[in-house]
């Protein structure tokens, strides 16, 4: 069910033990709901619709960030007559202009 809890009492106990940040993220603004509140609320839910909504939320919440590529311009210093050992290389990030 919720956070591994398998009963309304276990859900209420988990909520009562949750820290302030977790409760805030979950939208709890006042007192933590009691077992009877969880029971009445969850019994009124359309289980299929709730499953669809939570499945969509989990997919969106766990979707990896898009991969961004960085293009680099490479310049090799030294010209003809400069020994290979002393040639210089530098890069420039074309997106930010920083070396």
PDB file of N, CA and C in Angstrom:
ATOM      1  N   UNK A   1       0.836  -1.182   0.000  1.00  0.00           N
ATOM      2  CA  UNK A   1       0.000   0.000   0.000  1.00  0.00           C
ATOM      3  C   UNK A   1       0.881   1.245   0.000  1.00  0.00           C
ATOM      4  N   UNK A   2       1.152   1.838   1.149  1.00  0.00           N
ATOM      5  CA  UNK A   2       1.945   3.062   1.219  1.00  0.00           C
ATOM      6  C   UNK A   2       3.220   2.787   1.996  1.00  0.00           C
ATOM      7  N   UNK A   3       4.369   3.074   1.374  1.00  0.00           N
ATOM      8  CA  UNK A   3       5.669   2.911   2.028  1.00  0.00           C
ATOM      9  C   UNK A   3       5.837   1.533   2.644  1.00  0.00           C
ATOM     10  N   UNK A   4       5.303   0.522   1.985  1.00  0.00           N
ATOM     11  CA  UNK A   4       5.440  -0.844   2.475  1.00  0.00           C
ATOM     12  C   UNK A   4       4.423  -1.230   3.537  1.00  0.00           C
ATOM     13  N   UNK A   5       3.596  -0.285   3.963  1.00  0.00           N
ATOM     14  CA  UNK A   5       2.589  -0.575   4.986  1.00  0.00           C
ATOM     15  C   UNK A   5       1.469  -1.405   4.374  1.00  0.00           C
ATOM     16  N   UNK A   6       0.951  -2.362   5.137  1.00  0.00           N
ATOM     17  CA  UNK A   6      -0.080  -3.258   4.631  1.00  0.00           C
ATOM     18  C   UNK A   6      -1.404  -3.113   5.360  1.00  0.00           C
ATOM     19  N   UNK A   7      -1.543  -2.074   6.164  1.00  0.00           N
ATOM     20  CA  UNK A   7      -2.810  -1.838   6.855  1.00  0.00           C
ATOM     21  C   UNK A   7      -2.989  -0.336   7.044  1.00  0.00           C
ATOM     22  N   UNK A   8      -4.209   0.079   7.306  1.00  0.00           N
ATOM     23  CA  UNK A   8      -4.471   1.493   7.549  1.00  0.00           C
ATOM     24  C   UNK A   8      -3.745   1.961   8.815  1.00  0.00           C
ATOM     25  N   UNK A   9      -3.674   1.109   9.806  1.00  0.00           N
ATOM     26  CA  UNK A   9      -2.957   1.455  11.040  1.00  0.00           C
ATOM     27  C   UNK A   9      -1.479   1.666  10.759  1.00  0.00           C
ATOM     28  N   UNK A  10      -0.886   0.795   9.947  1.00  0.00           N
ATOM     29  CA  UNK A  10       0.536   0.924   9.618  1.00  0.00           C
ATOM     30  C   UNK A  10       0.797   2.208   8.819  1.00  0.00           C
ATOM     31  N   UNK A  11      -0.132   2.570   7.932  1.00  0.00           N
ATOM     32  CA  UNK A  11       0.018   3.818   7.170  1.00  0.00           C
ATOM     33  C   UNK A  11      -0.004   5.005   8.127  1.00  0.00           C
ATOM     34  N   UNK A  12      -0.964   5.020   9.051  1.00  0.00           N
ATOM     35  CA  UNK A  12      -1.073   6.116  10.008  1.00  0.00           C
ATOM     36  C   UNK A  12       0.165   6.188  10.896  1.00  0.00           C
ATOM     37  N   UNK A  13       0.702   5.041  11.288  1.00  0.00           N
ATOM     38  CA  UNK A  13       1.915   5.032  12.110  1.00  0.00           C
ATOM     39  C   UNK A  13       3.107   5.567  11.332  1.00  0.00           C
ATOM     40  N   UNK A  14       3.202   5.196  10.053  1.00  0.00           N
ATOM     41  CA  UNK A  14       4.282   5.716   9.213  1.00  0.00           C
ATOM     42  C   UNK A  14       4.164   7.236   9.110  1.00  0.00           C
ATOM     43  N   UNK A  15       2.961   7.733   8.860  1.00  0.00           N
ATOM     44  CA  UNK A  15       2.755   9.175   8.727  1.00  0.00           C
ATOM     45  C   UNK A  15       3.094   9.897  10.029  1.00  0.00           C
ATOM     46  N   UNK A  16       2.720   9.313  11.151  1.00  0.00           N
ATOM     47  CA  UNK A  16       3.009   9.934  12.446  1.00  0.00           C
ATOM     48  C   UNK A  16       4.509   9.993  12.709  1.00  0.00           C
ATOM     49  N   UNK A  17       5.270   9.054  12.169  1.00  0.00           N
ATOM     50  CA  UNK A  17       6.717   9.010  12.369  1.00  0.00           C
ATOM     51  C   UNK A  17       7.499   9.804  11.317  1.00  0.00           C
ATOM     52  N   UNK A  18       6.824  10.256  10.258  1.00  0.00           N
ATOM     53  CA  UNK A  18       7.506  10.958   9.165  1.00  0.00           C
ATOM     54  C   UNK A  18       8.041  12.299   9.652  1.00  0.00           C
ATOM     55  N   UNK A  19       9.185  12.704   9.076  1.00  0.00           N
ATOM     56  CA  UNK A  19       9.756  13.998   9.463  1.00  0.00           C
ATOM     57  C   UNK A  19       9.021  15.140   8.763  1.00  0.00           C
ATOM     58  N   UNK A  20       9.282  16.363   9.202  1.00  0.00           N
ATOM     59  CA  UNK A  20       8.569  17.536   8.684  1.00  0.00           C
ATOM     60  C   UNK A  20       8.766  17.722   7.187  1.00  0.00           C
ATOM     61  N   UNK A  21       9.973  17.487   6.691  1.00  0.00           N
ATOM     62  CA  UNK A  21      10.234  17.667   5.265  1.00  0.00           C
ATOM     63  C   UNK A  21       9.402  16.693   4.437  1.00  0.00           C
ATOM     64  N   UNK A  22       9.337  15.440   4.853  1.00  0.00           N
ATOM     65  CA  UNK A  22       8.545  14.444   4.133  1.00  0.00           C
ATOM     66  C   UNK A  22       7.076  14.837   4.120  1.00  0.00           C
ATOM     67  N   UNK A  23       6.563  15.250   5.268  1.00  0.00           N
ATOM     68  CA  UNK A  23       5.160  15.668   5.340  1.00  0.00           C
ATOM     69  C   UNK A  23       4.904  16.875   4.447  1.00  0.00           C
ATOM     70  N   UNK A  24       5.837  17.821   4.428  1.00  0.00           N
ATOM     71  CA  UNK A  24       5.685  19.008   3.580  1.00  0.00           C
ATOM     72  C   UNK A  24       5.650  18.616   2.104  1.00  0.00           C
ATOM     73  N   UNK A  25       6.550  17.723   1.693  1.00  0.00           N
ATOM     74  CA  UNK A  25       6.581  17.267   0.293  1.00  0.00           C
ATOM     75  C   UNK A  25       5.262  16.585  -0.082  1.00  0.00           C
ATOM     76  N   UNK A  26       4.682  15.872   0.877  1.00  0.00           N
ATOM     77  CA  UNK A  26       3.413  15.178   0.632  1.00  0.00           C
ATOM     78  C   UNK A  26       2.206  16.099   0.728  1.00  0.00           C
ATOM     79  N   UNK A  27       2.417  17.347   1.104  1.00  0.00           N
ATOM     80  CA  UNK A  27       1.326  18.305   1.163  1.00  0.00           C
ATOM     81  C   UNK A  27       0.580  18.342   2.481  1.00  0.00           C
ATOM     82  N   UNK A  28       1.118  17.723   3.526  1.00  0.00           N
ATOM     83  CA  UNK A  28       0.475  17.759   4.839  1.00  0.00           C
ATOM     84  C   UNK A  28       0.794  19.108   5.469  1.00  0.00           C
ATOM     85  N   UNK A  29      -0.250  19.912   5.707  1.00  0.00           N
ATOM     86  CA  UNK A  29      -0.040  21.265   6.239  1.00  0.00           C
ATOM     87  C   UNK A  29      -0.468  21.412   7.688  1.00  0.00           C
ATOM     88  N   UNK A  30      -1.258  20.502   8.178  1.00  0.00           N
ATOM     89  CA  UNK A  30      -1.722  20.588   9.561  1.00  0.00           C
ATOM     90  C   UNK A  30      -1.337  19.334  10.317  1.00  0.00           C
ATOM     91  N   UNK A  31      -2.271  18.870  11.097  1.00  0.00           N
ATOM     92  CA  UNK A  31      -2.031  17.644  11.861  1.00  0.00           C
ATOM     93  C   UNK A  31      -1.939  16.443  10.917  1.00  0.00           C
ATOM     94  N   UNK A  32      -1.153  15.466  11.315  1.00  0.00           N
ATOM     95  CA  UNK A  32      -1.033  14.238  10.531  1.00  0.00           C
ATOM     96  C   UNK A  32      -2.369  13.487  10.606  1.00  0.00           C
ATOM     97  N   UNK A  33      -2.882  13.037   9.461  1.00  0.00           N
ATOM     98  CA  UNK A  33      -4.166  12.327   9.466  1.00  0.00           C
ATOM     99  C   UNK A  33      -4.128  11.059  10.332  1.00  0.00           C
ATOM    100  N   UNK A  34      -5.271  10.729  10.890  1.00  0.00           N
ATOM    101  CA  UNK A  34      -5.386   9.543  11.749  1.00  0.00           C
ATOM    102  C   UNK A  34      -5.669   8.300  10.912  1.00  0.00           C
ATOM    103  N   UNK A  35      -5.637   7.156  11.564  1.00  0.00           N
ATOM    104  CA  UNK A  35      -5.933   5.883  10.897  1.00  0.00           C
ATOM    105  C   UNK A  35      -7.307   5.922  10.247  1.00  0.00           C
ATOM    106  N   UNK A  36      -8.311   6.443  10.952  1.00  0.00           N
ATOM    107  CA  UNK A  36      -9.672   6.458  10.384  1.00  0.00           C
ATOM    108  C   UNK A  36      -9.766   7.371   9.168  1.00  0.00           C
ATOM    109  N   UNK A  37      -8.996   8.461   9.156  1.00  0.00           N
ATOM    110  CA  UNK A  37      -8.977   9.347   7.988  1.00  0.00           C
ATOM    111  C   UNK A  37      -8.368   8.634   6.790  1.00  0.00           C
ATOM    112  N   UNK A  38      -7.244   7.965   7.010  1.00  0.00           N
ATOM    113  CA  UNK A  38      -6.644   7.193   5.916  1.00  0.00           C
ATOM    114  C   UNK A  38      -7.608   6.118   5.426  1.00  0.00           C
ATOM    115  N   UNK A  39      -8.223   5.402   6.334  1.00  0.00           N
ATOM    116  CA  UNK A  39      -9.132   4.309   5.970  1.00  0.00           C
ATOM    117  C   UNK A  39     -10.305   4.838   5.147  1.00  0.00           C
ATOM    118  N   UNK A  40     -10.993   5.852   5.640  1.00  0.00           N
ATOM    119  CA  UNK A  40     -12.161   6.396   4.917  1.00  0.00           C
ATOM    120  C   UNK A  40     -11.763   6.938   3.545  1.00  0.00           C
ATOM    121  N   UNK A  41     -10.651   7.657   3.498  1.00  0.00           N
ATOM    122  CA  UNK A  41     -10.213   8.257   2.230  1.00  0.00           C
ATOM    123  C   UNK A  41      -9.833   7.194   1.215  1.00  0.00           C
ATOM    124  N   UNK A  42      -9.028   6.222   1.636  1.00  0.00           N
ATOM    125  CA  UNK A  42      -8.581   5.192   0.699  1.00  0.00           C
ATOM    126  C   UNK A  42      -9.707   4.269   0.268  1.00  0.00           C
ATOM    127  N   UNK A  43     -10.696   4.046   1.122  1.00  0.00           N
ATOM    128  CA  UNK A  43     -11.832   3.210   0.738  1.00  0.00           C
ATOM    129  C   UNK A  43     -12.731   3.889  -0.294  1.00  0.00           C
ATOM    130  N   UNK A  44     -12.709   5.200  -0.342  1.00  0.00           N
ATOM    131  CA  UNK A  44     -13.539   5.950  -1.295  1.00  0.00           C
ATOM    132  C   UNK A  44     -12.879   6.098  -2.665  1.00  0.00           C
ATOM    133  N   UNK A  45     -11.592   5.809  -2.749  1.00  0.00           N
ATOM    134  CA  UNK A  45     -10.873   5.983  -4.018  1.00  0.00           C
ATOM    135  C   UNK A  45     -11.291   4.965  -5.052  1.00  0.00           C
ATOM    136  N   UNK A  46     -11.266   5.386  -6.302  1.00  0.00           N
ATOM    137  CA  UNK A  46     -11.397   4.465  -7.430  1.00  0.00           C
ATOM    138  C   UNK A  46     -10.004   3.848  -7.606  1.00  0.00           C
ATOM    139  N   UNK A  47      -9.850   2.582  -7.241  1.00  0.00           N
ATOM    140  CA  UNK A  47      -8.533   1.937  -7.228  1.00  0.00           C
ATOM    141  C   UNK A  47      -7.856   1.954  -8.592  1.00  0.00           C
ATOM    142  N   UNK A  48      -8.616   1.727  -9.668  1.00  0.00           N
ATOM    143  CA  UNK A  48      -8.008   1.718 -11.008  1.00  0.00           C
ATOM    144  C   UNK A  48      -7.509   3.110 -11.391  1.00  0.00           C
ATOM    145  N   UNK A  49      -8.318   4.129 -11.112  1.00  0.00           N
ATOM    146  CA  UNK A  49      -7.901   5.499 -11.438  1.00  0.00           C
ATOM    147  C   UNK A  49      -6.679   5.896 -10.611  1.00  0.00           C
ATOM    148  N   UNK A  50      -6.671   5.523  -9.334  1.00  0.00           N
ATOM    149  CA  UNK A  50      -5.534   5.828  -8.466  1.00  0.00           C
ATOM    150  C   UNK A  50      -4.280   5.125  -8.962  1.00  0.00           C
ATOM    151  N   UNK A  51      -4.418   3.886  -9.383  1.00  0.00           N
ATOM    152  CA  UNK A  51      -3.285   3.130  -9.917  1.00  0.00           C
ATOM    153  C   UNK A  51      -2.742   3.806 -11.169  1.00  0.00           C
ATOM    154  N   UNK A  52      -3.624   4.256 -12.051  1.00  0.00           N
ATOM    155  CA  UNK A  52      -3.192   4.948 -13.267  1.00  0.00           C
ATOM    156  C   UNK A  52      -2.444   6.239 -12.932  1.00  0.00           C
ATOM    157  N   UNK A  53      -3.007   7.014 -12.006  1.00  0.00           N
ATOM    158  CA  UNK A  53      -2.374   8.287 -11.635  1.00  0.00           C
ATOM    159  C   UNK A  53      -1.018   8.085 -10.979  1.00  0.00           C
ATOM    160  N   UNK A  54      -0.938   7.144 -10.057  1.00  0.00           N
ATOM    161  CA  UNK A  54       0.348   6.927  -9.389  1.00  0.00           C
ATOM    162  C   UNK A  54       1.377   6.329 -10.346  1.00  0.00           C
ATOM    163  N   UNK A  55       0.934   5.472 -11.253  1.00  0.00           N
ATOM    164  CA  UNK A  55       1.852   4.921 -12.251  1.00  0.00           C
ATOM    165  C   UNK A  55       2.429   6.009 -13.138  1.00  0.00           C
ATOM    166  N   UNK A  56       1.581   6.941 -13.576  1.00  0.00           N
ATOM    167  CA  UNK A  56       2.040   8.061 -14.399  1.00  0.00           C
ATOM    168  C   UNK A  56       2.999   8.938 -13.618  1.00  0.00           C
ATOM    169  N   UNK A  57       2.655   9.214 -12.353  1.00  0.00           N
ATOM    170  CA  UNK A  57       3.520  10.053 -11.519  1.00  0.00           C
ATOM    171  C   UNK A  57       4.894   9.409 -11.337  1.00  0.00           C
ATOM    172  N   UNK A  58       4.921   8.110 -11.056  1.00  0.00           N
ATOM    173  CA  UNK A  58       6.199   7.422 -10.846  1.00  0.00           C
ATOM    174  C   UNK A  58       7.040   7.464 -12.119  1.00  0.00           C
ATOM    175  N   UNK A  59       6.400   7.256 -13.271  1.00  0.00           N
ATOM    176  CA  UNK A  59       7.154   7.303 -14.531  1.00  0.00           C
ATOM    177  C   UNK A  59       7.763   8.683 -14.742  1.00  0.00           C
ATOM    178  N   UNK A  60       6.999   9.734 -14.476  1.00  0.00           N
ATOM    179  CA  UNK A  60       7.514  11.089 -14.657  1.00  0.00           C
ATOM    180  C   UNK A  60       8.588  11.425 -13.634  1.00  0.00           C
ATOM    181  N   UNK A  61       8.392  10.983 -12.392  1.00  0.00           N
ATOM    182  CA  UNK A  61       9.342  11.305 -11.330  1.00  0.00           C
ATOM    183  C   UNK A  61      10.665  10.576 -11.490  1.00  0.00           C
ATOM    184  N   UNK A  62      10.661   9.454 -12.170  1.00  0.00           N
ATOM    185  CA  UNK A  62      11.890   8.666 -12.305  1.00  0.00           C
ATOM    186  C   UNK A  62      12.483   8.744 -13.704  1.00  0.00           C
ATOM    187  N   UNK A  63      11.926   9.573 -14.557  1.00  0.00           N
ATOM    188  CA  UNK A  63      12.451   9.721 -15.915  1.00  0.00           C
ATOM    189  C   UNK A  63      13.820  10.401 -15.835  1.00  0.00           C
ATOM    190  N   UNK A  64      14.824   9.837 -16.485  1.00  0.00           N
ATOM    191  CA  UNK A  64      16.155  10.461 -16.430  1.00  0.00           C
ATOM    192  C   UNK A  64      16.163  11.800 -17.155  1.00  0.00           C
ATOM    193  N   UNK A  65      17.047  12.667 -16.711  1.00  0.00           N
ATOM    194  CA  UNK A  65      17.211  13.961 -17.359  1.00  0.00           C
ATOM    195  C   UNK A  65      17.731  13.736 -18.782  1.00  0.00           C
ATOM    196  N   UNK A  66      17.322  14.593 -19.704  1.00  0.00           N
ATOM    197  CA  UNK A  66      17.853  14.443 -21.064  1.00  0.00           C
ATOM    198  C   UNK A  66      19.365  14.657 -21.067  1.00  0.00           C
ATOM    199  N   UNK A  67      20.024  13.903 -21.901  1.00  0.00           N
ATOM    200  CA  UNK A  67      21.477  14.012 -22.013  1.00  0.00           C
ATOM    201  C   UNK A  67      21.798  15.234 -22.860  1.00  0.00           C
ATOM    202  N   UNK A  68      22.650  16.086 -22.338  1.00  0.00           N
ATOM    203  CA  UNK A  68      23.078  17.247 -23.105  1.00  0.00           C
ATOM    204  C   UNK A  68      24.495  17.013 -23.578  1.00  0.00           C
ATOM    205  N   UNK A  69      24.769  17.496 -24.741  1.00  0.00           N
ATOM    206  CA  UNK A  69      26.113  17.342 -25.284  1.00  0.00           C
ATOM    207  C   UNK A  69      26.801  18.699 -25.267  1.00  0.00           C
ATOM    208  N   UNK A  70      28.073  18.669 -25.092  1.00  0.00           N
ATOM    209  CA  UNK A  70      28.874  19.876 -25.120  1.00  0.00           C
ATOM    210  C   UNK A  70      29.820  19.783 -26.302  1.00  0.00           C
ATOM    211  N   UNK A  71      29.794  20.794 -27.107  1.00  0.00           N
ATOM    212  CA  UNK A  71      30.704  20.819 -28.256  1.00  0.00           C
ATOM    213  C   UNK A  71      31.940  21.599 -27.867  1.00  0.00           C
ATOM    214  N   UNK A  72      33.057  21.057 -28.220  1.00  0.00           N
ATOM    215  CA  UNK A  72      34.320  21.695 -27.908  1.00  0.00           C
ATOM    216  C   UNK A  72      35.069  21.997 -29.197  1.00  0.00           C
ATOM    217  N   UNK A  73      35.649  23.190 -29.251  1.00  0.00           N
ATOM    218  CA  UNK A  73      36.532  23.535 -30.359  1.00  0.00           C
ATOM    219  C   UNK A  73      37.958  23.300 -29.873  1.00  0.00           C
ATOM    220  N   UNK A  74      38.716  22.587 -30.635  1.00  0.00           N
ATOM    221  CA  UNK A  74      40.085  22.260 -30.239  1.00  0.00           C
ATOM    222  C   UNK A  74      41.040  22.981 -31.171  1.00  0.00           C
ATOM    223  N   UNK A  75      42.003  23.642 -30.553  1.00  0.00           N
ATOM    224  CA  UNK A  75      43.018  24.371 -31.315  1.00  0.00           C
ATOM    225  C   UNK A  75      44.381  23.859 -30.897  1.00  0.00           C
ATOM    226  N   UNK A  76      45.194  23.494 -31.863  1.00  0.00           N
ATOM    227  CA  UNK A  76      46.550  23.045 -31.546  1.00  0.00           C
ATOM    228  C   UNK A  76      47.520  24.150 -31.921  1.00  0.00           C
ATOM    229  N   UNK A  77      48.321  24.541 -30.943  1.00  0.00           N
ATOM    230  CA  UNK A  77      49.327  25.573 -31.189  1.00  0.00           C
ATOM    231  C   UNK A  77      50.551  24.969 -31.852  1.00  0.00           C
ATOM    232  N   UNK A  78      51.423  25.837 -32.277  1.00  0.00           N
ATOM    233  CA  UNK A  78      52.659  25.377 -32.913  1.00  0.00           C
ATOM    234  C   UNK A  78      52.432  25.240 -34.405  1.00  0.00           C
ATOM    235  N   UNK A  79      53.397  25.510 -35.116  1.00  0.00           N
ATOM    236  CA  UNK A  79      53.269  25.399 -36.566  1.00  0.00           C
ATOM    237  C   UNK A  79      54.421  24.598 -37.105  1.00  0.00           C
ATOM    238  N   UNK A  80      54.646  24.765 -38.378  1.00  0.00           N
ATOM    239  CA  UNK A  80      55.773  24.043 -38.950  1.00  0.00           C
ATOM    240  C   UNK A  80      57.052  24.581 -38.339  1.00  0.00           C
ATOM    241  N   UNK A  81      57.941  23.737 -38.089  1.00  0.00           N
ATOM    242  CA  UNK A  81      59.210  24.127 -37.492  1.00  0.00           C
ATOM    243  C   UNK A  81      59.209  24.008 -35.972  1.00  0.00           C
ATOM    244  N   UNK A  82      57.999  23.805 -35.334  1.00  0.00           N
ATOM    245  CA  UNK A  82      57.953  23.626 -33.878  1.00  0.00           C
ATOM    246  C   UNK A  82      57.954  22.132 -33.619  1.00  0.00           C
ATOM    247  N   UNK A  83      58.893  21.654 -32.811  1.00  0.00           N
ATOM    248  CA  UNK A  83      58.926  20.218 -32.546  1.00  0.00           C
ATOM    249  C   UNK A  83      57.597  19.744 -31.934  1.00  0.00           C
ATOM    250  N   UNK A  84      57.192  18.509 -32.230  1.00  0.00           N
ATOM    251  CA  UNK A  84      55.927  17.965 -31.740  1.00  0.00           C
ATOM    252  C   UNK A  84      55.843  17.979 -30.218  1.00  0.00           C
ATOM    253  N   UNK A  85      56.976  17.834 -29.534  1.00  0.00           N
ATOM    254  CA  UNK A  85      56.956  17.772 -28.078  1.00  0.00           C
ATOM    255  C   UNK A  85      56.445  19.064 -27.441  1.00  0.00           C
ATOM    256  N   UNK A  86      56.558  20.187 -28.116  1.00  0.00           N
ATOM    257  CA  UNK A  86      56.187  21.456 -27.490  1.00  0.00           C
ATOM    258  C   UNK A  86      54.896  22.046 -28.060  1.00  0.00           C
ATOM    259  N   UNK A  87      54.160  21.282 -28.834  1.00  0.00           N
ATOM    260  CA  UNK A  87      52.890  21.792 -29.346  1.00  0.00           C
ATOM    261  C   UNK A  87      51.897  21.941 -28.211  1.00  0.00           C
ATOM    262  N   UNK A  88      51.049  22.918 -28.287  1.00  0.00           N
ATOM    263  CA  UNK A  88      50.058  23.186 -27.254  1.00  0.00           C
ATOM    264  C   UNK A  88      48.668  22.840 -27.766  1.00  0.00           C
ATOM    265  N   UNK A  89      47.813  22.440 -26.872  1.00  0.00           N
ATOM    266  CA  UNK A  89      46.419  22.180 -27.223  1.00  0.00           C
ATOM    267  C   UNK A  89      45.545  22.971 -26.261  1.00  0.00           C
ATOM    268  N   UNK A  90      44.442  23.530 -26.763  1.00  0.00           N
ATOM    269  CA  UNK A  90      43.497  24.228 -25.901  1.00  0.00           C
ATOM    270  C   UNK A  90      42.085  23.889 -26.368  1.00  0.00           C
ATOM    271  N   UNK A  91      41.142  24.069 -25.467  1.00  0.00           N
ATOM    272  CA  UNK A  91      39.748  23.812 -25.821  1.00  0.00           C
ATOM    273  C   UNK A  91      38.911  25.020 -25.476  1.00  0.00           C
ATOM    274  N   UNK A  92      37.790  25.152 -26.151  1.00  0.00           N
ATOM    275  CA  UNK A  92      36.839  26.221 -25.886  1.00  0.00           C
ATOM    276  C   UNK A  92      35.440  25.614 -25.882  1.00  0.00           C
ATOM    277  N   UNK A  93      34.700  25.804 -24.795  1.00  0.00           N
ATOM    278  CA  UNK A  93      33.329  25.320 -24.721  1.00  0.00           C
ATOM    279  C   UNK A  93      32.481  26.245 -25.595  1.00  0.00           C
ATOM    280  N   UNK A  94      31.968  25.721 -26.701  1.00  0.00           N
ATOM    281  CA  UNK A  94      31.219  26.552 -27.659  1.00  0.00           C
ATOM    282  C   UNK A  94      29.880  27.033 -27.072  1.00  0.00           C
ATOM    283  N   UNK A  95      29.385  26.348 -26.059  1.00  0.00           N
ATOM    284  CA  UNK A  95      28.125  26.760 -25.459  1.00  0.00           C
ATOM    285  C   UNK A  95      28.279  27.940 -24.512  1.00  0.00           C
ATOM    286  N   UNK A  96      29.383  27.963 -23.757  1.00  0.00           N
ATOM    287  CA  UNK A  96      29.563  29.022 -22.769  1.00  0.00           C
ATOM    288  C   UNK A  96      30.675  29.982 -23.117  1.00  0.00           C
ATOM    289  N   UNK A  97      31.535  29.574 -24.046  1.00  0.00           N
ATOM    290  CA  UNK A  97      32.661  30.414 -24.402  1.00  0.00           C
ATOM    291  C   UNK A  97      33.816  30.335 -23.415  1.00  0.00           C
ATOM    292  N   UNK A  98      33.694  29.430 -22.450  1.00  0.00           N
ATOM    293  CA  UNK A  98      34.764  29.332 -21.456  1.00  0.00           C
ATOM    294  C   UNK A  98      35.772  28.263 -21.875  1.00  0.00           C
ATOM    295  N   UNK A  99      37.033  28.456 -21.468  1.00  0.00           N
ATOM    296  CA  UNK A  99      38.058  27.463 -21.833  1.00  0.00           C
ATOM    297  C   UNK A  99      37.875  26.173 -21.050  1.00  0.00           C
TER     298      UNK A  99
END
